[in-house]
Amino acid sequence: MRVDRVQRRLGRTAVAAPPGRWDETKLLDWLSAFIGCGSDIDVPVREMPRMYAALKAPPGVTDLVFVTDARCRLPADVQKGFLDWKRSVQARLVSLVVDNPPGDLSAISDEVHAVRSLAPDAAAVGRVLSL
């Protein structure tokens, strides 16, 4: 399925980015529309299993990347449910948190990188967006 059709189906909250077939500049432009427009609730965490299934992501080989500028708050039951799901699909979660502490994302992420901005020359940004 083409990425643009997947994005229309899932809305603006997800983008499929196969390694080696995407443009980091376009990805940063897409991300810039979200910075400063969200909240600290756990909606992306609750929605990820549905989005993952809709993308038909292959278990065991698909990494998840969360990019946020909010300190995430996750109730214990949401954390447990997400970790159980993540384990079941053998996914790794790498979180990139812009200009805030990660909050509860630390508890569910395999890696967390706190950065001041999405500057492409920042080591963490380059590493996370070049997985």
N, C-alpha and C. Protein backbone atom coordinates (compact mmCIF):
# COMPACT_ATOMS: atom_id res chain seq x y z
N MET A 1 0.85 -1.17 0.00
CA MET A 1 0.00 0.00 0.00
C MET A 1 0.90 1.24 0.00
N ARG A 2 0.56 2.20 -0.79
CA ARG A 2 1.37 3.40 -0.86
C ARG A 2 1.22 4.22 0.41
N VAL A 3 2.30 4.92 0.78
CA VAL A 3 2.33 5.70 2.01
C VAL A 3 1.23 6.76 2.01
N ASP A 4 0.98 7.43 0.87
CA ASP A 4 -0.03 8.49 0.86
C ASP A 4 -1.43 7.94 1.13
N ARG A 5 -1.74 6.72 0.65
CA ARG A 5 -3.05 6.12 0.94
C ARG A 5 -3.15 5.74 2.41
N VAL A 6 -2.06 5.25 2.98
CA VAL A 6 -2.04 4.91 4.41
C VAL A 6 -2.28 6.16 5.23
N GLN A 7 -1.60 7.26 4.88
CA GLN A 7 -1.78 8.51 5.62
C GLN A 7 -3.22 8.99 5.55
N ARG A 8 -3.87 8.91 4.40
CA ARG A 8 -5.26 9.34 4.29
C ARG A 8 -6.14 8.49 5.19
N ARG A 9 -5.88 7.18 5.24
CA ARG A 9 -6.69 6.29 6.07
C ARG A 9 -6.48 6.52 7.56
N LEU A 10 -5.24 6.79 7.96
CA LEU A 10 -4.94 6.93 9.38
C LEU A 10 -5.03 8.38 9.86
N GLY A 11 -5.14 9.32 8.96
CA GLY A 11 -5.12 10.72 9.36
C GLY A 11 -3.69 11.21 9.43
N ARG A 12 -3.49 12.34 10.07
CA ARG A 12 -2.17 12.96 10.09
C ARG A 12 -1.31 12.47 11.24
N THR A 13 -1.74 11.47 11.99
CA THR A 13 -0.99 11.06 13.17
C THR A 13 0.07 10.00 12.91
N ALA A 14 0.07 9.39 11.74
CA ALA A 14 1.05 8.35 11.46
C ALA A 14 1.61 8.51 10.07
N VAL A 15 2.84 8.10 9.91
CA VAL A 15 3.44 8.07 8.58
C VAL A 15 4.29 6.81 8.51
N ALA A 16 4.12 6.05 7.43
CA ALA A 16 4.95 4.87 7.21
C ALA A 16 6.23 5.35 6.55
N ALA A 17 7.34 4.98 7.12
CA ALA A 17 8.63 5.45 6.61
C ALA A 17 9.60 4.29 6.46
N PRO A 18 9.48 3.53 5.37
CA PRO A 18 10.39 2.41 5.17
C PRO A 18 11.83 2.89 5.05
N PRO A 19 12.77 2.21 5.70
CA PRO A 19 14.17 2.61 5.62
C PRO A 19 14.66 2.68 4.18
N GLY A 20 15.41 3.72 3.88
CA GLY A 20 16.00 3.84 2.56
C GLY A 20 15.07 4.35 1.47
N ARG A 21 13.79 4.54 1.80
CA ARG A 21 12.84 4.99 0.77
C ARG A 21 12.08 6.23 1.20
N TRP A 22 12.69 7.09 2.01
CA TRP A 22 12.00 8.29 2.45
C TRP A 22 12.99 9.42 2.59
N ASP A 23 12.47 10.60 2.58
CA ASP A 23 13.27 11.82 2.59
C ASP A 23 13.17 12.47 3.97
N GLU A 24 14.30 12.61 4.67
CA GLU A 24 14.28 13.16 6.02
C GLU A 24 13.74 14.59 6.04
N THR A 25 14.02 15.38 5.02
CA THR A 25 13.53 16.75 4.97
C THR A 25 12.00 16.76 4.90
N LYS A 26 11.43 15.91 4.05
CA LYS A 26 9.96 15.83 3.96
C LYS A 26 9.37 15.36 5.28
N LEU A 27 10.04 14.42 5.95
CA LEU A 27 9.56 13.93 7.23
C LEU A 27 9.57 15.06 8.26
N LEU A 28 10.64 15.84 8.31
CA LEU A 28 10.70 16.96 9.25
C LEU A 28 9.64 18.00 8.94
N ASP A 29 9.37 18.26 7.65
CA ASP A 29 8.29 19.19 7.29
C ASP A 29 6.95 18.66 7.78
N TRP A 30 6.70 17.35 7.63
CA TRP A 30 5.46 16.74 8.10
C TRP A 30 5.35 16.87 9.61
N LEU A 31 6.45 16.62 10.33
CA LEU A 31 6.45 16.70 11.79
C LEU A 31 6.23 18.13 12.28
N SER A 32 6.72 19.12 11.56
CA SER A 32 6.63 20.51 12.03
C SER A 32 5.18 20.97 12.17
N ALA A 33 4.27 20.35 11.45
CA ALA A 33 2.85 20.71 11.58
C ALA A 33 2.28 20.33 12.94
N PHE A 34 2.93 19.41 13.65
CA PHE A 34 2.42 18.93 14.92
C PHE A 34 3.03 19.63 16.12
N ILE A 35 4.25 20.11 16.01
CA ILE A 35 4.96 20.65 17.16
C ILE A 35 4.17 21.82 17.75
N GLY A 36 3.92 21.73 19.04
CA GLY A 36 3.19 22.77 19.75
C GLY A 36 1.68 22.66 19.63
N CYS A 37 1.18 21.63 18.97
CA CYS A 37 -0.27 21.53 18.73
C CYS A 37 -0.93 20.37 19.47
N GLY A 38 -0.19 19.65 20.27
CA GLY A 38 -0.75 18.46 20.91
C GLY A 38 -1.08 18.70 22.36
N SER A 39 -1.08 17.62 23.09
CA SER A 39 -1.35 17.68 24.52
C SER A 39 -0.47 16.65 25.20
N ASP A 40 -0.63 16.49 26.49
CA ASP A 40 0.18 15.52 27.21
C ASP A 40 -0.59 14.24 27.52
N ILE A 41 -1.72 14.05 26.89
CA ILE A 41 -2.49 12.83 27.13
C ILE A 41 -1.89 11.67 26.33
N ASP A 42 -2.41 10.51 26.55
CA ASP A 42 -1.81 9.29 26.03
C ASP A 42 -2.44 8.77 24.74
N VAL A 43 -3.11 9.62 23.97
CA VAL A 43 -3.83 9.16 22.78
C VAL A 43 -2.93 8.39 21.81
N PRO A 44 -1.74 8.88 21.42
CA PRO A 44 -0.94 8.09 20.47
C PRO A 44 -0.59 6.70 21.01
N VAL A 45 -0.36 6.58 22.30
CA VAL A 45 -0.03 5.28 22.89
C VAL A 45 -1.24 4.36 22.80
N ARG A 46 -2.41 4.87 23.10
CA ARG A 46 -3.64 4.05 23.03
C ARG A 46 -3.96 3.66 21.58
N GLU A 47 -3.67 4.52 20.62
CA GLU A 47 -4.02 4.29 19.22
C GLU A 47 -2.99 3.47 18.44
N MET A 48 -1.77 3.36 18.94
CA MET A 48 -0.72 2.71 18.16
C MET A 48 -1.05 1.27 17.76
N PRO A 49 -1.60 0.42 18.61
CA PRO A 49 -1.93 -0.94 18.14
C PRO A 49 -2.86 -0.94 16.93
N ARG A 50 -3.86 -0.06 16.92
CA ARG A 50 -4.78 0.02 15.78
C ARG A 50 -4.05 0.51 14.53
N MET A 51 -3.22 1.55 14.69
CA MET A 51 -2.49 2.09 13.54
C MET A 51 -1.49 1.07 13.00
N TYR A 52 -0.82 0.37 13.89
CA TYR A 52 0.15 -0.66 13.51
C TYR A 52 -0.55 -1.73 12.67
N ALA A 53 -1.72 -2.17 13.12
CA ALA A 53 -2.48 -3.17 12.37
C ALA A 53 -2.93 -2.62 11.02
N ALA A 54 -3.38 -1.37 10.98
CA ALA A 54 -3.84 -0.78 9.73
C ALA A 54 -2.70 -0.64 8.72
N LEU A 55 -1.50 -0.40 9.21
CA LEU A 55 -0.33 -0.30 8.33
C LEU A 55 0.15 -1.67 7.86
N LYS A 56 -0.37 -2.73 8.50
CA LYS A 56 0.08 -4.09 8.23
C LYS A 56 1.58 -4.22 8.43
N ALA A 57 2.05 -3.61 9.52
CA ALA A 57 3.47 -3.64 9.85
C ALA A 57 3.88 -5.06 10.21
N PRO A 58 4.96 -5.53 9.62
CA PRO A 58 5.39 -6.89 9.93
C PRO A 58 5.98 -7.01 11.34
N PRO A 59 5.44 -7.91 12.17
CA PRO A 59 5.96 -8.08 13.53
C PRO A 59 7.42 -8.51 13.53
N GLY A 60 8.14 -8.02 14.52
CA GLY A 60 9.53 -8.41 14.71
C GLY A 60 10.54 -7.61 13.90
N VAL A 61 10.08 -6.83 12.94
CA VAL A 61 11.02 -6.05 12.12
C VAL A 61 10.63 -4.58 12.01
N THR A 62 9.56 -4.18 12.67
CA THR A 62 9.08 -2.81 12.55
C THR A 62 9.35 -2.04 13.83
N ASP A 63 10.17 -0.99 13.73
CA ASP A 63 10.41 -0.10 14.87
C ASP A 63 9.34 0.98 14.90
N LEU A 64 9.05 1.46 16.10
CA LEU A 64 8.13 2.57 16.29
C LEU A 64 8.96 3.78 16.69
N VAL A 65 8.62 4.93 16.13
CA VAL A 65 9.28 6.17 16.51
C VAL A 65 8.19 7.15 16.91
N PHE A 66 8.24 7.60 18.16
CA PHE A 66 7.34 8.65 18.63
C PHE A 66 8.14 9.94 18.67
N VAL A 67 7.58 10.99 18.08
CA VAL A 67 8.17 12.33 18.16
C VAL A 67 7.12 13.21 18.82
N THR A 68 7.49 13.85 19.93
CA THR A 68 6.53 14.66 20.67
C THR A 68 7.22 15.85 21.30
N ASP A 69 6.44 16.86 21.59
CA ASP A 69 6.97 18.01 22.34
C ASP A 69 6.22 18.14 23.66
N ALA A 70 5.63 17.04 24.11
CA ALA A 70 4.85 17.07 25.35
C ALA A 70 5.40 16.05 26.34
N ARG A 71 5.25 16.36 27.61
CA ARG A 71 5.56 15.40 28.66
C ARG A 71 4.37 14.44 28.75
N CYS A 72 4.61 13.20 28.43
CA CYS A 72 3.53 12.22 28.34
C CYS A 72 3.10 11.73 29.72
N ARG A 73 1.78 11.64 29.92
CA ARG A 73 1.21 11.07 31.14
C ARG A 73 0.46 9.80 30.75
N LEU A 74 0.86 8.68 31.35
CA LEU A 74 0.22 7.40 31.05
C LEU A 74 -0.19 6.70 32.32
N PRO A 75 -1.48 6.44 32.50
CA PRO A 75 -1.90 5.65 33.66
C PRO A 75 -1.24 4.26 33.61
N ALA A 76 -1.09 3.64 34.76
CA ALA A 76 -0.41 2.35 34.86
C ALA A 76 -1.04 1.29 33.96
N ASP A 77 -2.38 1.26 33.86
CA ASP A 77 -3.02 0.25 33.02
C ASP A 77 -2.72 0.47 31.54
N VAL A 78 -2.59 1.74 31.12
CA VAL A 78 -2.24 2.04 29.73
C VAL A 78 -0.80 1.62 29.46
N GLN A 79 0.10 1.92 30.40
CA GLN A 79 1.50 1.50 30.24
C GLN A 79 1.58 -0.01 30.09
N LYS A 80 0.92 -0.75 30.98
CA LYS A 80 0.97 -2.20 30.95
C LYS A 80 0.39 -2.74 29.65
N GLY A 81 -0.75 -2.22 29.25
CA GLY A 81 -1.37 -2.67 28.00
C GLY A 81 -0.49 -2.42 26.80
N PHE A 82 0.15 -1.25 26.76
CA PHE A 82 1.03 -0.92 25.63
C PHE A 82 2.25 -1.84 25.63
N LEU A 83 2.87 -2.03 26.80
CA LEU A 83 4.05 -2.90 26.89
C LEU A 83 3.71 -4.34 26.50
N ASP A 84 2.53 -4.82 26.91
CA ASP A 84 2.10 -6.18 26.53
C ASP A 84 1.93 -6.26 25.01
N TRP A 85 1.28 -5.26 24.43
CA TRP A 85 1.09 -5.23 22.97
C TRP A 85 2.43 -5.16 22.26
N LYS A 86 3.30 -4.25 22.71
CA LYS A 86 4.62 -4.06 22.08
C LYS A 86 5.41 -5.38 22.10
N ARG A 87 5.36 -6.08 23.21
CA ARG A 87 6.04 -7.36 23.33
C ARG A 87 5.42 -8.38 22.35
N SER A 88 4.10 -8.37 22.20
CA SER A 88 3.43 -9.34 21.33
C SER A 88 3.79 -9.16 19.86
N VAL A 89 4.08 -7.93 19.44
CA VAL A 89 4.46 -7.68 18.04
C VAL A 89 5.97 -7.54 17.88
N GLN A 90 6.69 -7.71 18.98
CA GLN A 90 8.15 -7.65 18.97
C GLN A 90 8.66 -6.33 18.39
N ALA A 91 8.02 -5.23 18.78
CA ALA A 91 8.40 -3.91 18.29
C ALA A 91 9.30 -3.21 19.31
N ARG A 92 10.16 -2.37 18.81
CA ARG A 92 10.97 -1.48 19.65
C ARG A 92 10.39 -0.08 19.50
N LEU A 93 10.36 0.66 20.60
CA LEU A 93 9.89 2.05 20.56
C LEU A 93 11.06 2.97 20.88
N VAL A 94 11.30 3.89 19.97
CA VAL A 94 12.30 4.94 20.17
C VAL A 94 11.54 6.25 20.22
N SER A 95 11.71 7.00 21.30
CA SER A 95 10.98 8.26 21.47
C SER A 95 11.95 9.43 21.38
N LEU A 96 11.53 10.44 20.66
CA LEU A 96 12.27 11.69 20.50
C LEU A 96 11.39 12.78 21.10
N VAL A 97 11.82 13.36 22.22
CA VAL A 97 11.01 14.34 22.94
C VAL A 97 11.67 15.72 22.79
N VAL A 98 10.91 16.65 22.23
CA VAL A 98 11.42 17.98 21.91
C VAL A 98 11.09 18.95 23.03
N ASP A 99 12.13 19.50 23.65
CA ASP A 99 12.02 20.62 24.59
C ASP A 99 11.12 20.35 25.81
N ASN A 100 11.08 19.10 26.26
CA ASN A 100 10.34 18.73 27.46
C ASN A 100 10.94 17.44 28.02
N PRO A 101 10.74 17.18 29.29
CA PRO A 101 11.12 15.86 29.80
C PRO A 101 10.14 14.81 29.25
N PRO A 102 10.57 13.57 29.10
CA PRO A 102 9.73 12.55 28.47
C PRO A 102 8.57 12.06 29.32
N GLY A 103 8.60 12.31 30.61
CA GLY A 103 7.52 11.80 31.44
C GLY A 103 7.42 10.29 31.36
N ASP A 104 6.21 9.79 31.22
CA ASP A 104 5.98 8.34 31.23
C ASP A 104 6.42 7.63 29.96
N LEU A 105 6.84 8.37 28.92
CA LEU A 105 7.38 7.69 27.74
C LEU A 105 8.62 6.89 28.10
N SER A 106 9.34 7.33 29.13
CA SER A 106 10.53 6.59 29.57
C SER A 106 10.17 5.16 29.97
N ALA A 107 9.00 4.97 30.54
CA ALA A 107 8.61 3.65 31.03
C ALA A 107 8.23 2.68 29.92
N ILE A 108 7.88 3.19 28.74
CA ILE A 108 7.43 2.30 27.67
C ILE A 108 8.38 2.27 26.48
N SER A 109 9.40 3.13 26.48
CA SER A 109 10.32 3.23 25.35
C SER A 109 11.56 2.38 25.56
N ASP A 110 12.09 1.87 24.48
CA ASP A 110 13.37 1.17 24.52
C ASP A 110 14.52 2.18 24.53
N GLU A 111 14.30 3.31 23.88
CA GLU A 111 15.25 4.43 23.88
C GLU A 111 14.45 5.72 23.96
N VAL A 112 14.95 6.68 24.72
CA VAL A 112 14.35 8.01 24.79
C VAL A 112 15.45 9.02 24.57
N HIS A 113 15.20 9.98 23.68
CA HIS A 113 16.15 11.06 23.43
C HIS A 113 15.44 12.38 23.65
N ALA A 114 15.92 13.17 24.58
CA ALA A 114 15.38 14.51 24.82
C ALA A 114 16.26 15.51 24.08
N VAL A 115 15.65 16.33 23.24
CA VAL A 115 16.39 17.30 22.43
C VAL A 115 15.77 18.68 22.56
N ARG A 116 16.54 19.70 22.29
CA ARG A 116 16.03 21.08 22.35
C ARG A 116 15.18 21.42 21.12
N SER A 117 15.50 20.82 19.97
CA SER A 117 14.75 21.10 18.74
C SER A 117 14.92 19.92 17.79
N LEU A 118 14.28 20.00 16.66
CA LEU A 118 14.43 18.96 15.64
C LEU A 118 15.50 19.32 14.62
N ALA A 119 16.52 20.02 15.07
CA ALA A 119 17.62 20.39 14.18
C ALA A 119 18.21 19.12 13.58
N PRO A 120 18.27 19.03 12.25
CA PRO A 120 18.74 17.80 11.62
C PRO A 120 20.20 17.46 11.92
N ASP A 121 20.97 18.45 12.36
CA ASP A 121 22.37 18.16 12.67
C ASP A 121 22.58 17.71 14.11
N ALA A 122 21.52 17.66 14.92
CA ALA A 122 21.63 17.16 16.29
C ALA A 122 21.82 15.65 16.23
N ALA A 123 22.74 15.13 17.03
CA ALA A 123 23.07 13.70 16.98
C ALA A 123 21.86 12.81 17.20
N ALA A 124 21.06 13.10 18.23
CA ALA A 124 19.89 12.25 18.53
C ALA A 124 18.86 12.30 17.40
N VAL A 125 18.62 13.48 16.86
CA VAL A 125 17.65 13.61 15.77
C VAL A 125 18.13 12.81 14.57
N GLY A 126 19.38 12.96 14.22
CA GLY A 126 19.93 12.21 13.09
C GLY A 126 19.85 10.70 13.30
N ARG A 127 20.14 10.26 14.52
CA ARG A 127 20.08 8.83 14.82
C ARG A 127 18.66 8.30 14.76
N VAL A 128 17.73 8.98 15.40
CA VAL A 128 16.34 8.49 15.45
C VAL A 128 15.69 8.53 14.08
N LEU A 129 15.87 9.60 13.34
CA LEU A 129 15.20 9.72 12.04
C LEU A 129 15.93 8.97 10.93
N SER A 130 17.05 8.37 11.25
CA SER A 130 17.79 7.58 10.26
C SER A 130 17.84 6.11 10.63
N LEU A 131 16.93 5.65 11.49
CA LEU A 131 16.90 4.24 11.91
C LEU A 131 16.90 3.32 10.70
